[in-house]
């Protein structure tokens, strides 16, 4: 079997430019429903490079829900200086440093004061791919943003973006889909020990950009 990446065409530029920022009222006020809803939606990072305005965008193809009362969730211990963004109204960024190596992007998922979130585990790059390649140090398309640490690195996400409103104009926001999504699969979450039996990982079935063991995606239920 060839080790080369399959050819995946990015949407035309005029299609990508039509991404509309999601309104908060469009986001389900429930971590599980939000995790499903975000599959196929866009995440957009805007910044200035030199004197030029640039943008990176990707389609969300994999998420994990961390629900209220979930022992695997950072919010389980209650509000702290580190996790306070998880207790904001749905649609805010929670950015944290994991294993002393990577930042990770989560979206707050419930009402104010209820700690819950959705981890963005993988995206399909659709705009600014040259910038992502430079940032990641590889031209292998499938490896640019497959896995939550790579997502944050590809989108230039760090602690300054923790707590920002992803439904408002700014450097990072959630947007509409650029095309329809395939069926959504569900499985157990990856890399946790507590509440490990819960089927709270969601992914676009058949997407080559999904992270994790391929057997995990094949063996579980489909929605």
Protein backbone atom coordinates (compact mmCIF):
# COMPACT_ATOMS: atom_id res chain seq x y z
CA UNK A 1 0.00 0.00 0.00
CA UNK A 2 1.31 3.45 -0.88
CA UNK A 3 2.44 5.64 2.02
CA UNK A 4 1.58 8.79 0.09
CA UNK A 5 -1.29 10.99 1.25
CA UNK A 6 -4.52 10.72 -0.75
CA UNK A 7 -5.27 13.72 -2.92
CA UNK A 8 -7.75 15.96 -1.12
CA UNK A 9 -8.76 19.12 -2.91
CA UNK A 10 -9.32 22.28 -0.89
CA UNK A 11 -12.53 24.19 -1.65
CA UNK A 12 -12.21 27.04 -4.15
CA UNK A 13 -11.18 30.36 -2.58
CA UNK A 14 -14.57 31.98 -3.29
CA UNK A 15 -16.29 29.16 -1.40
CA UNK A 16 -14.01 29.49 1.62
CA UNK A 17 -14.52 33.24 1.71
CA UNK A 18 -18.25 32.69 2.16
CA UNK A 19 -17.76 31.27 5.65
CA UNK A 20 -20.10 33.12 8.00
CA UNK A 21 -19.40 33.53 11.69
CA UNK A 22 -21.74 31.37 13.77
CA UNK A 23 -24.16 33.16 16.07
CA UNK A 24 -24.37 31.98 19.66
CA UNK A 25 -28.05 31.20 19.22
CA UNK A 26 -27.10 28.60 16.61
CA UNK A 27 -24.93 26.67 19.07
CA UNK A 28 -26.70 23.93 21.07
CA UNK A 29 -26.55 24.62 24.81
CA UNK A 30 -25.42 21.08 25.58
CA UNK A 31 -21.92 19.62 25.36
CA UNK A 32 -22.91 16.43 23.54
CA UNK A 33 -25.13 18.19 21.04
CA UNK A 34 -22.50 20.88 20.46
CA UNK A 35 -19.82 18.25 19.83
CA UNK A 36 -22.02 16.72 17.13
CA UNK A 37 -23.04 20.10 15.74
CA UNK A 38 -19.46 21.29 15.24
CA UNK A 39 -18.59 18.41 12.91
CA UNK A 40 -18.30 19.94 9.45
CA UNK A 41 -18.29 23.51 10.75
CA UNK A 42 -15.32 25.83 10.29
CA UNK A 43 -12.77 27.27 12.68
CA UNK A 44 -11.04 30.43 11.45
CA UNK A 45 -7.86 32.12 12.68
CA UNK A 46 -7.09 35.68 11.55
CA UNK A 47 -3.81 37.49 12.16
CA UNK A 48 -1.32 39.88 10.62
CA UNK A 49 1.84 38.55 9.02
CA UNK A 50 4.21 41.43 8.36
CA UNK A 51 1.92 44.08 6.95
CA UNK A 52 -0.56 41.63 5.43
CA UNK A 53 -3.79 40.29 6.89
CA UNK A 54 -3.81 36.49 6.67
CA UNK A 55 -6.28 33.79 7.53
CA UNK A 56 -6.17 30.08 8.30
CA UNK A 57 -9.32 27.98 8.25
CA UNK A 58 -10.24 24.35 8.70
CA UNK A 59 -13.26 22.06 8.76
CA UNK A 60 -13.85 20.38 12.10
CA UNK A 61 -13.83 16.61 11.55
CA UNK A 62 -13.40 15.30 15.11
CA UNK A 63 -14.54 16.43 18.57
CA UNK A 64 -14.88 15.12 22.11
CA UNK A 65 -17.53 16.20 24.61
CA UNK A 66 -16.71 16.76 28.29
CA UNK A 67 -20.04 17.03 30.06
CA UNK A 68 -21.09 18.38 33.48
CA UNK A 69 -20.14 15.97 36.25
CA UNK A 70 -17.65 14.17 33.99
CA UNK A 71 -14.65 13.02 36.04
CA UNK A 72 -12.46 13.25 32.92
CA UNK A 73 -13.30 16.93 32.44
CA UNK A 74 -11.18 19.83 33.70
CA UNK A 75 -14.37 21.40 35.06
CA UNK A 76 -15.05 18.48 37.39
CA UNK A 77 -13.20 20.11 40.30
CA UNK A 78 -15.11 23.36 39.94
CA UNK A 79 -13.92 26.77 38.73
CA UNK A 80 -10.21 27.57 39.03
CA UNK A 81 -8.00 30.24 37.44
CA UNK A 82 -6.95 27.64 34.87
CA UNK A 83 -10.37 26.33 33.82
CA UNK A 84 -12.59 29.39 34.31
CA UNK A 85 -13.24 29.69 30.56
CA UNK A 86 -15.13 26.38 30.65
CA UNK A 87 -17.73 28.06 32.87
CA UNK A 88 -18.42 30.87 30.40
CA UNK A 89 -21.48 30.92 28.18
CA UNK A 90 -21.27 28.46 25.29
CA UNK A 91 -19.08 29.53 22.39
CA UNK A 92 -15.97 30.75 24.23
CA UNK A 93 -12.46 29.35 23.81
CA UNK A 94 -10.83 27.33 26.56
CA UNK A 95 -7.13 26.94 25.77
CA UNK A 96 -4.88 24.88 28.00
CA UNK A 97 -1.37 23.46 27.97
CA UNK A 98 -1.27 19.66 27.95
CA UNK A 99 1.55 17.36 29.08
CA UNK A 100 3.94 20.30 29.05
CA UNK A 101 4.04 20.03 25.25
CA UNK A 102 0.93 21.25 23.41
CA UNK A 103 -1.88 23.75 23.65
CA UNK A 104 -5.38 22.47 22.97
CA UNK A 105 -8.54 24.25 21.83
CA UNK A 106 -11.90 23.64 23.49
CA UNK A 107 -15.25 25.37 23.15
CA UNK A 108 -17.33 26.12 26.26
CA UNK A 109 -20.60 24.26 25.88
CA UNK A 110 -23.27 25.14 28.42
CA UNK A 111 -24.84 28.08 30.26
CA UNK A 112 -22.81 30.51 32.35
CA UNK A 113 -21.58 28.80 35.51
CA UNK A 114 -21.92 25.24 34.19
CA UNK A 115 -18.53 23.77 33.38
CA UNK A 116 -18.47 21.73 30.18
CA UNK A 117 -16.62 21.83 26.90
CA UNK A 118 -15.91 20.36 23.50
CA UNK A 119 -12.35 19.51 22.51
CA UNK A 120 -11.50 20.12 18.85
CA UNK A 121 -9.49 17.01 18.06
CA UNK A 122 -8.90 17.36 14.32
CA UNK A 123 -9.55 19.70 11.41
CA UNK A 124 -9.26 19.44 7.65
CA UNK A 125 -7.20 22.43 6.45
CA UNK A 126 -9.06 24.46 3.82
CA UNK A 127 -7.37 27.88 3.76
CA UNK A 128 -3.89 29.17 4.52
CA UNK A 129 -2.41 25.70 4.01
CA UNK A 130 0.96 27.22 3.10
CA UNK A 131 1.05 28.93 6.49
CA UNK A 132 0.12 25.73 8.29
CA UNK A 133 2.85 23.82 6.46
CA UNK A 134 5.40 26.41 7.50
CA UNK A 135 4.18 26.35 11.08
CA UNK A 136 4.11 22.56 11.31
CA UNK A 137 7.30 21.92 9.35
CA UNK A 138 5.71 19.38 7.01
CA UNK A 139 3.88 19.32 3.69
CA UNK A 140 2.07 16.07 4.46
CA UNK A 141 -1.52 17.33 4.28
CA UNK A 142 -3.05 14.63 6.46
CA UNK A 143 -0.62 15.34 9.29
CA UNK A 144 -1.06 19.11 9.42
CA UNK A 145 -3.92 19.18 11.94
CA UNK A 146 -4.78 15.60 12.88
CA UNK A 147 -4.85 15.54 16.68
CA UNK A 148 -5.61 18.34 19.16
CA UNK A 149 -2.02 19.47 19.69
CA UNK A 150 -1.52 19.80 15.96
CA UNK A 151 -4.80 21.71 15.63
CA UNK A 152 -3.61 24.36 18.06
CA UNK A 153 -0.18 24.59 16.47
CA UNK A 154 -1.64 24.83 12.95
CA UNK A 155 -4.04 27.60 14.01
CA UNK A 156 -1.41 29.49 16.03
CA UNK A 157 -3.40 29.08 19.22
CA UNK A 158 -1.83 29.91 22.56
CA UNK A 159 -2.79 31.20 26.01
CA UNK A 160 -3.66 34.71 24.77
CA UNK A 161 -6.74 33.23 23.08
CA UNK A 162 -8.09 31.59 26.23
CA UNK A 163 -11.53 32.96 27.05
CA UNK A 164 -12.19 34.82 23.79
CA UNK A 165 -15.68 34.83 22.31
CA UNK A 166 -15.72 32.53 19.28
CA UNK A 167 -19.02 34.03 18.10
CA UNK A 168 -17.70 37.61 17.93
CA UNK A 169 -15.29 39.41 15.56
CA UNK A 170 -11.77 38.60 16.61
CA UNK A 171 -8.65 36.56 15.88
CA UNK A 172 -10.38 33.18 16.29
CA UNK A 173 -13.98 32.29 15.51
CA UNK A 174 -16.36 29.50 14.59
CA UNK A 175 -17.95 29.53 11.16
CA UNK A 176 -20.46 27.80 8.94
CA UNK A 177 -19.69 24.77 6.78
CA UNK A 178 -18.11 25.11 3.35
CA UNK A 179 -19.71 21.86 2.24
CA UNK A 180 -21.96 19.12 3.57
CA UNK A 181 -20.69 16.50 6.01
CA UNK A 182 -20.71 12.74 5.73
CA UNK A 183 -22.28 10.55 8.42
CA UNK A 184 -21.08 11.19 11.98
CA UNK A 185 -19.49 8.34 13.89
CA UNK A 186 -19.19 8.07 17.66
CA UNK A 187 -16.76 6.21 19.92
CA UNK A 188 -15.07 6.31 23.29
CA UNK A 189 -12.71 9.22 23.89
CA UNK A 190 -8.98 8.96 23.33
CA UNK A 191 -6.17 9.12 25.90
CA UNK A 192 -8.20 9.26 29.13
CA UNK A 193 -8.60 6.85 32.05
CA UNK A 194 -11.59 8.29 33.91
CA UNK A 195 -15.08 7.85 32.42
CA UNK A 196 -13.33 6.06 29.57
CA UNK A 197 -16.42 4.03 28.64
CA UNK A 198 -18.48 7.04 27.54
CA UNK A 199 -19.22 7.33 23.81
CA UNK A 200 -18.44 11.04 23.63
CA UNK A 201 -16.05 11.24 20.69
CA UNK A 202 -17.59 12.32 17.38
CA UNK A 203 -16.01 12.33 13.93
CA UNK A 204 -16.81 12.62 10.24
CA UNK A 205 -17.03 9.06 9.00
CA UNK A 206 -14.56 8.35 6.20
CA UNK A 207 -12.52 11.51 6.67
CA UNK A 208 -8.78 10.85 6.29
CA UNK A 209 -8.11 13.81 8.60
CA UNK A 210 -9.55 12.11 11.71
CA UNK A 211 -7.02 11.24 14.44
CA UNK A 212 -6.67 8.17 16.62
CA UNK A 213 -6.47 4.45 15.88
CA UNK A 214 -8.32 3.53 12.68
CA UNK A 215 -9.79 0.48 14.39
CA UNK A 216 -11.49 2.72 16.94
CA UNK A 217 -13.33 4.56 14.20
CA UNK A 218 -14.37 1.37 12.47
CA UNK A 219 -15.65 -0.55 15.46
CA UNK A 220 -18.07 1.83 17.13
CA UNK A 221 -21.56 3.01 16.37
CA UNK A 222 -22.57 5.43 13.67
CA UNK A 223 -25.23 8.14 13.95
